[in-house]
Amino acid sequence: MTIATLSAKGQITLPVAARRTIGLKPNDRVAIEIRGAEIVVRRAQDFFALKGFLGPALPRGRERAAMMKTASRGQRAKP
């Protein structure tokens, strides 16, 4: 276990061993979670890693045409 000191502004520096363990680099984002009396710091999920999780994208024109057709019917889009 490593001890860090809280600054007057409420900031801490994550020790290098902790950063290396989870692979944090400068400018990486972290998620802060409160679990009872504990604060958990973990790597935030990379938004761009989600690319394509909904399936392949349609060409822009076809996507727009499908949206307009659905909107004109006043219906919700089907997945």
Protein backbone atom coordinates (compact mmCIF):
# COMPACT_ATOMS: atom_id res chain seq x y z
CA MET A 1 0.00 0.00 0.00
CA THR A 2 1.17 3.49 -0.85
CA ILE A 3 0.24 6.65 1.03
CA ALA A 4 -0.51 9.91 -0.81
CA THR A 5 -1.12 13.35 0.69
CA LEU A 6 -4.21 15.44 -0.03
CA SER A 7 -3.33 19.02 -1.03
CA ALA A 8 -5.14 22.13 0.19
CA LYS A 9 -7.08 22.08 -3.11
CA GLY A 10 -8.21 18.49 -2.52
CA GLN A 11 -5.81 17.02 -5.08
CA ILE A 12 -3.61 13.94 -4.86
CA THR A 13 -0.84 12.63 -7.05
CA LEU A 14 -1.26 8.98 -7.98
CA PRO A 15 1.96 7.16 -7.17
CA VAL A 16 3.93 5.93 -10.19
CA ALA A 17 3.57 2.28 -9.13
CA ALA A 18 -0.23 2.62 -9.12
CA ARG A 19 -0.25 4.37 -12.52
CA ARG A 20 1.99 1.71 -14.05
CA THR A 21 -0.08 -1.12 -12.61
CA ILE A 22 -3.20 -0.03 -14.51
CA GLY A 23 -1.34 1.56 -17.43
CA LEU A 24 -2.23 5.22 -16.89
CA LYS A 25 -0.36 7.80 -18.93
CA PRO A 26 -0.48 11.61 -18.92
CA ASN A 27 -3.86 12.97 -20.07
CA ASP A 28 -5.64 9.61 -19.59
CA ARG A 29 -9.06 9.90 -18.00
CA VAL A 30 -9.96 8.18 -14.75
CA ALA A 31 -13.31 7.33 -13.17
CA ILE A 32 -13.85 8.10 -9.50
CA GLU A 33 -16.30 5.85 -7.67
CA ILE A 34 -17.47 6.13 -4.07
CA ARG A 35 -18.03 2.78 -2.34
CA GLY A 36 -19.17 3.39 1.19
CA ALA A 37 -16.17 4.96 2.96
CA GLU A 38 -13.77 4.22 0.07
CA ILE A 39 -12.82 6.12 -3.07
CA VAL A 40 -11.97 3.91 -6.03
CA VAL A 41 -9.94 5.35 -8.91
CA ARG A 42 -9.97 3.34 -12.13
CA ARG A 43 -9.18 3.84 -15.77
CA ALA A 44 -12.15 5.41 -17.59
CA GLN A 45 -13.44 3.52 -20.60
CA ASP A 46 -12.18 4.94 -23.86
CA PHE A 47 -15.17 6.36 -25.72
CA PHE A 48 -13.63 5.52 -29.09
CA ALA A 49 -13.32 1.85 -28.09
CA LEU A 50 -17.12 1.72 -28.39
CA LYS A 51 -16.93 2.37 -32.15
CA GLY A 52 -19.07 -0.13 -34.02
CA PHE A 53 -20.75 -1.75 -31.01
CA LEU A 54 -24.17 -1.01 -32.56
CA GLY A 55 -23.19 -2.74 -35.79
CA PRO A 56 -22.00 -1.41 -39.11
CA ALA A 57 -23.04 2.10 -40.06
CA LEU A 58 -25.11 2.71 -43.16
CA PRO A 59 -23.84 5.17 -45.74
CA ARG A 60 -24.83 8.69 -44.66
CA GLY A 61 -27.45 9.15 -47.40
CA ARG A 62 -29.20 5.84 -46.64
CA GLU A 63 -29.14 6.54 -42.89
CA ARG A 64 -30.70 9.98 -43.42
CA ALA A 65 -33.34 8.60 -45.80
CA ALA A 66 -34.31 5.91 -43.29
CA MET A 67 -34.58 8.50 -40.51
CA MET A 68 -36.72 10.83 -42.65
CA LYS A 69 -39.01 7.96 -43.70
CA THR A 70 -39.51 6.87 -40.10
CA ALA A 71 -40.05 10.47 -38.92
CA SER A 72 -42.65 11.12 -41.61
CA ARG A 73 -44.66 8.13 -40.37
CA GLY A 74 -44.47 9.36 -36.78
CA GLN A 75 -43.05 6.02 -35.70
CA ARG A 76 -40.06 5.00 -33.66
CA ALA A 77 -37.09 3.53 -35.50
CA LYS A 78 -36.75 -0.23 -35.31
CA PRO A 79 -33.39 -1.58 -34.13
